[in-house]
N, C-alpha and C. Protein backbone atom coordinates (compact mmCIF):
# COMPACT_ATOMS: atom_id res chain seq x y z
N MET A 1 30.38 -114.62 -13.04
CA MET A 1 31.14 -114.18 -14.20
C MET A 1 32.14 -113.12 -13.77
N PRO A 2 33.42 -113.32 -14.09
CA PRO A 2 34.42 -112.34 -13.71
C PRO A 2 34.22 -111.01 -14.45
N SER A 3 34.56 -109.96 -13.77
CA SER A 3 34.47 -108.65 -14.41
C SER A 3 35.69 -107.83 -14.03
N GLY A 4 35.86 -106.71 -14.71
CA GLY A 4 36.98 -105.83 -14.42
C GLY A 4 38.31 -106.53 -14.61
N ILE A 5 39.20 -106.29 -13.69
CA ILE A 5 40.55 -106.85 -13.79
C ILE A 5 40.53 -108.37 -13.70
N ASN A 6 39.51 -108.93 -13.06
CA ASN A 6 39.41 -110.39 -12.93
C ASN A 6 38.98 -111.07 -14.23
N ALA A 7 38.62 -110.30 -15.24
CA ALA A 7 38.19 -110.86 -16.51
C ALA A 7 39.36 -111.19 -17.44
N PHE A 8 40.58 -110.79 -17.06
CA PHE A 8 41.73 -111.12 -17.88
C PHE A 8 41.91 -112.64 -17.93
N PRO A 9 42.18 -113.17 -19.12
CA PRO A 9 42.38 -114.62 -19.21
C PRO A 9 43.68 -115.04 -18.54
N PRO A 10 43.76 -116.31 -18.15
CA PRO A 10 45.02 -116.80 -17.57
C PRO A 10 46.17 -116.57 -18.58
N GLY A 11 47.33 -116.33 -18.06
CA GLY A 11 48.48 -116.08 -18.93
C GLY A 11 48.75 -114.60 -19.13
N GLN A 12 47.86 -113.75 -18.63
CA GLN A 12 48.06 -112.31 -18.77
C GLN A 12 48.28 -111.67 -17.39
N GLN A 13 48.90 -112.42 -16.53
CA GLN A 13 49.13 -111.94 -15.16
C GLN A 13 50.06 -110.72 -15.13
N ASP A 14 50.94 -110.59 -16.12
CA ASP A 14 51.79 -109.40 -16.17
C ASP A 14 50.94 -108.15 -16.35
N HIS A 15 49.91 -108.24 -17.20
CA HIS A 15 48.99 -107.11 -17.41
C HIS A 15 48.22 -106.82 -16.13
N VAL A 16 47.76 -107.86 -15.48
CA VAL A 16 47.00 -107.69 -14.24
C VAL A 16 47.86 -107.00 -13.18
N ARG A 17 49.11 -107.44 -13.03
CA ARG A 17 50.01 -106.81 -12.06
C ARG A 17 50.27 -105.34 -12.42
N ALA A 18 50.45 -105.06 -13.70
CA ALA A 18 50.70 -103.67 -14.12
C ALA A 18 49.49 -102.79 -13.81
N ILE A 19 48.31 -103.28 -14.09
CA ILE A 19 47.09 -102.49 -13.82
C ILE A 19 46.92 -102.29 -12.32
N ARG A 20 47.12 -103.34 -11.56
CA ARG A 20 47.00 -103.20 -10.09
C ARG A 20 48.00 -102.18 -9.55
N SER A 21 49.22 -102.18 -10.09
CA SER A 21 50.23 -101.23 -9.59
C SER A 21 49.84 -99.79 -9.93
N LEU A 22 49.11 -99.59 -11.01
CA LEU A 22 48.64 -98.25 -11.35
C LEU A 22 47.46 -97.83 -10.47
N LEU A 23 46.56 -98.77 -10.19
CA LEU A 23 45.34 -98.44 -9.45
C LEU A 23 45.52 -98.40 -7.94
N GLU A 24 46.46 -99.19 -7.43
CA GLU A 24 46.62 -99.32 -5.99
C GLU A 24 46.82 -98.00 -5.25
N PRO A 25 47.64 -97.07 -5.76
CA PRO A 25 47.84 -95.83 -5.00
C PRO A 25 46.68 -94.83 -5.11
N LEU A 26 45.71 -95.10 -5.97
CA LEU A 26 44.61 -94.16 -6.14
C LEU A 26 43.62 -94.27 -5.00
N GLU A 27 43.07 -93.14 -4.64
CA GLU A 27 42.06 -93.10 -3.58
C GLU A 27 40.69 -92.90 -4.22
N TYR A 28 39.75 -93.75 -3.85
CA TYR A 28 38.38 -93.60 -4.35
C TYR A 28 37.71 -92.50 -3.56
N ILE A 29 37.12 -91.56 -4.27
CA ILE A 29 36.41 -90.46 -3.62
C ILE A 29 34.98 -90.46 -4.15
N ALA A 30 34.05 -90.65 -3.26
CA ALA A 30 32.63 -90.66 -3.63
C ALA A 30 32.09 -89.24 -3.73
N THR A 31 31.09 -89.09 -4.55
CA THR A 31 30.43 -87.80 -4.62
C THR A 31 29.55 -87.60 -3.39
N THR A 32 29.19 -86.38 -3.15
CA THR A 32 28.28 -86.03 -2.06
C THR A 32 27.06 -85.36 -2.67
N PRO A 33 25.96 -85.26 -1.95
CA PRO A 33 24.82 -84.52 -2.49
C PRO A 33 25.17 -83.09 -2.90
N GLU A 34 26.02 -82.44 -2.10
CA GLU A 34 26.42 -81.06 -2.42
C GLU A 34 27.22 -81.01 -3.72
N ALA A 35 28.15 -81.96 -3.88
CA ALA A 35 28.96 -81.99 -5.10
C ALA A 35 28.10 -82.30 -6.32
N ALA A 36 27.15 -83.22 -6.17
CA ALA A 36 26.25 -83.55 -7.28
C ALA A 36 25.38 -82.35 -7.64
N ARG A 37 24.89 -81.65 -6.64
CA ARG A 37 24.08 -80.44 -6.89
C ARG A 37 24.91 -79.40 -7.62
N TRP A 38 26.15 -79.20 -7.17
CA TRP A 38 27.04 -78.24 -7.80
C TRP A 38 27.26 -78.62 -9.26
N GLY A 39 27.51 -79.90 -9.51
CA GLY A 39 27.72 -80.37 -10.88
C GLY A 39 26.49 -80.16 -11.75
N GLY A 40 25.31 -80.43 -11.20
CA GLY A 40 24.08 -80.20 -11.96
C GLY A 40 23.88 -78.74 -12.30
N GLU A 41 24.16 -77.88 -11.34
CA GLU A 41 24.03 -76.44 -11.58
C GLU A 41 25.06 -75.97 -12.61
N SER A 42 26.25 -76.53 -12.57
CA SER A 42 27.28 -76.17 -13.54
C SER A 42 26.86 -76.58 -14.95
N ARG A 43 26.29 -77.78 -15.08
CA ARG A 43 25.80 -78.23 -16.39
C ARG A 43 24.69 -77.31 -16.90
N LEU A 44 23.80 -76.93 -16.01
CA LEU A 44 22.70 -76.05 -16.40
C LEU A 44 23.22 -74.70 -16.87
N ARG A 45 24.18 -74.12 -16.13
CA ARG A 45 24.78 -72.85 -16.55
C ARG A 45 25.39 -72.96 -17.94
N ARG A 46 26.15 -74.02 -18.15
CA ARG A 46 26.81 -74.22 -19.46
C ARG A 46 25.77 -74.37 -20.56
N HIS A 47 24.71 -75.10 -20.29
CA HIS A 47 23.64 -75.29 -21.28
C HIS A 47 22.99 -73.95 -21.62
N ARG A 48 22.73 -73.15 -20.61
CA ARG A 48 22.10 -71.82 -20.83
C ARG A 48 23.01 -70.89 -21.61
N GLU A 49 24.33 -71.12 -21.53
CA GLU A 49 25.30 -70.33 -22.31
C GLU A 49 25.40 -70.82 -23.75
N GLY A 50 24.69 -71.90 -24.05
CA GLY A 50 24.72 -72.44 -25.40
C GLY A 50 25.76 -73.52 -25.61
N GLY A 51 26.39 -73.97 -24.56
CA GLY A 51 27.42 -74.99 -24.69
C GLY A 51 26.98 -76.32 -24.12
N LYS A 52 27.90 -77.25 -24.09
CA LYS A 52 27.65 -78.58 -23.55
C LYS A 52 28.69 -78.88 -22.48
N LEU A 53 28.27 -79.70 -21.51
CA LEU A 53 29.17 -80.15 -20.46
C LEU A 53 28.71 -81.53 -20.06
N GLY A 54 29.60 -82.50 -20.18
CA GLY A 54 29.25 -83.87 -19.84
C GLY A 54 29.01 -84.05 -18.34
N LEU A 55 28.15 -85.00 -18.02
CA LEU A 55 27.83 -85.27 -16.62
C LEU A 55 29.08 -85.65 -15.83
N GLY A 56 29.94 -86.48 -16.41
CA GLY A 56 31.15 -86.90 -15.71
C GLY A 56 32.03 -85.73 -15.33
N ASP A 57 32.28 -84.83 -16.29
CA ASP A 57 33.12 -83.67 -16.00
C ASP A 57 32.47 -82.76 -14.96
N ALA A 58 31.17 -82.62 -15.03
CA ALA A 58 30.46 -81.78 -14.06
C ALA A 58 30.56 -82.38 -12.65
N LEU A 59 30.42 -83.69 -12.54
CA LEU A 59 30.52 -84.33 -11.23
C LEU A 59 31.94 -84.28 -10.68
N ILE A 60 32.92 -84.50 -11.54
CA ILE A 60 34.32 -84.41 -11.11
C ILE A 60 34.61 -83.00 -10.59
N ALA A 61 34.16 -81.99 -11.31
CA ALA A 61 34.35 -80.61 -10.87
C ALA A 61 33.62 -80.34 -9.57
N GLY A 62 32.43 -80.89 -9.42
CA GLY A 62 31.68 -80.72 -8.17
C GLY A 62 32.40 -81.33 -6.98
N VAL A 63 32.93 -82.53 -7.16
CA VAL A 63 33.67 -83.18 -6.07
C VAL A 63 34.94 -82.39 -5.76
N ALA A 64 35.65 -81.95 -6.79
CA ALA A 64 36.87 -81.17 -6.56
C ALA A 64 36.55 -79.88 -5.80
N THR A 65 35.47 -79.23 -6.17
CA THR A 65 35.07 -78.00 -5.49
C THR A 65 34.73 -78.30 -4.04
N ASP A 66 33.97 -79.36 -3.82
CA ASP A 66 33.56 -79.77 -2.47
C ASP A 66 34.77 -80.05 -1.58
N LEU A 67 35.82 -80.63 -2.17
CA LEU A 67 37.02 -80.99 -1.40
C LEU A 67 38.10 -79.91 -1.41
N GLY A 68 37.92 -78.88 -2.25
CA GLY A 68 38.97 -77.88 -2.40
C GLY A 68 40.18 -78.46 -3.11
N ALA A 69 39.93 -79.40 -4.03
CA ALA A 69 41.00 -80.12 -4.72
C ALA A 69 41.23 -79.55 -6.12
N THR A 70 42.34 -79.92 -6.70
CA THR A 70 42.71 -79.56 -8.06
C THR A 70 42.42 -80.74 -8.97
N VAL A 71 41.84 -80.48 -10.13
CA VAL A 71 41.58 -81.52 -11.13
C VAL A 71 42.81 -81.64 -12.02
N VAL A 72 43.34 -82.84 -12.15
CA VAL A 72 44.48 -83.10 -13.04
C VAL A 72 43.90 -83.75 -14.29
N THR A 73 44.07 -83.08 -15.45
CA THR A 73 43.40 -83.52 -16.67
C THR A 73 44.11 -83.01 -17.90
N ARG A 74 43.78 -83.62 -19.04
CA ARG A 74 44.20 -83.07 -20.33
C ARG A 74 43.08 -82.22 -20.92
N ASN A 75 41.94 -82.19 -20.25
CA ASN A 75 40.76 -81.47 -20.72
C ASN A 75 40.59 -80.17 -19.92
N ARG A 76 41.58 -79.33 -19.99
CA ARG A 76 41.58 -78.09 -19.21
C ARG A 76 40.36 -77.20 -19.46
N PRO A 77 39.95 -76.97 -20.70
CA PRO A 77 38.87 -76.00 -20.94
C PRO A 77 37.57 -76.30 -20.19
N ASP A 78 37.12 -77.55 -20.20
CA ASP A 78 35.85 -77.86 -19.55
C ASP A 78 35.90 -77.62 -18.05
N PHE A 79 37.06 -77.84 -17.42
CA PHE A 79 37.15 -77.64 -15.98
C PHE A 79 37.44 -76.19 -15.63
N ALA A 80 38.32 -75.54 -16.37
CA ALA A 80 38.61 -74.13 -16.11
C ALA A 80 37.36 -73.29 -16.29
N ARG A 81 36.55 -73.62 -17.27
CA ARG A 81 35.30 -72.91 -17.54
C ARG A 81 34.34 -73.00 -16.35
N GLN A 82 34.47 -74.08 -15.58
CA GLN A 82 33.62 -74.26 -14.41
C GLN A 82 34.19 -73.57 -13.17
N GLY A 83 35.39 -73.04 -13.30
CA GLY A 83 35.99 -72.29 -12.20
C GLY A 83 36.73 -73.13 -11.18
N VAL A 84 37.08 -74.37 -11.54
CA VAL A 84 37.84 -75.21 -10.61
C VAL A 84 39.33 -75.11 -10.91
N ALA A 85 40.13 -75.37 -9.91
CA ALA A 85 41.59 -75.37 -10.10
C ALA A 85 41.95 -76.56 -10.98
N VAL A 86 42.81 -76.32 -11.98
CA VAL A 86 43.16 -77.35 -12.95
C VAL A 86 44.67 -77.42 -13.10
N LEU A 87 45.18 -78.64 -13.15
CA LEU A 87 46.57 -78.89 -13.49
C LEU A 87 46.53 -79.75 -14.74
N GLU A 88 47.05 -79.20 -15.84
CA GLU A 88 47.01 -79.90 -17.11
C GLU A 88 48.29 -80.69 -17.33
N TYR A 89 48.16 -81.87 -17.91
CA TYR A 89 49.32 -82.66 -18.28
C TYR A 89 49.23 -83.02 -19.74
N ALA A 90 50.36 -83.34 -20.33
CA ALA A 90 50.39 -83.69 -21.76
C ALA A 90 50.39 -85.18 -21.96
């Protein structure tokens, strides 16, 4: 059974090409045990402060911290609160 981009029905090849052109330049970055640990600790800190932090945002912040990278997002507060470098876009 086709999944992902291969699930598009025939006749929508323009959509498939557009999606591929957006995804092609992206680099897949896997998490590491250290980044996952950092993300878990960040979630725990936020929980103890009475707030919430999604697992995805915590892991993204952990990977960014591990790599010394900047997170590009429209969700600046959740990442800035974790102390990671953030570049916000509209």
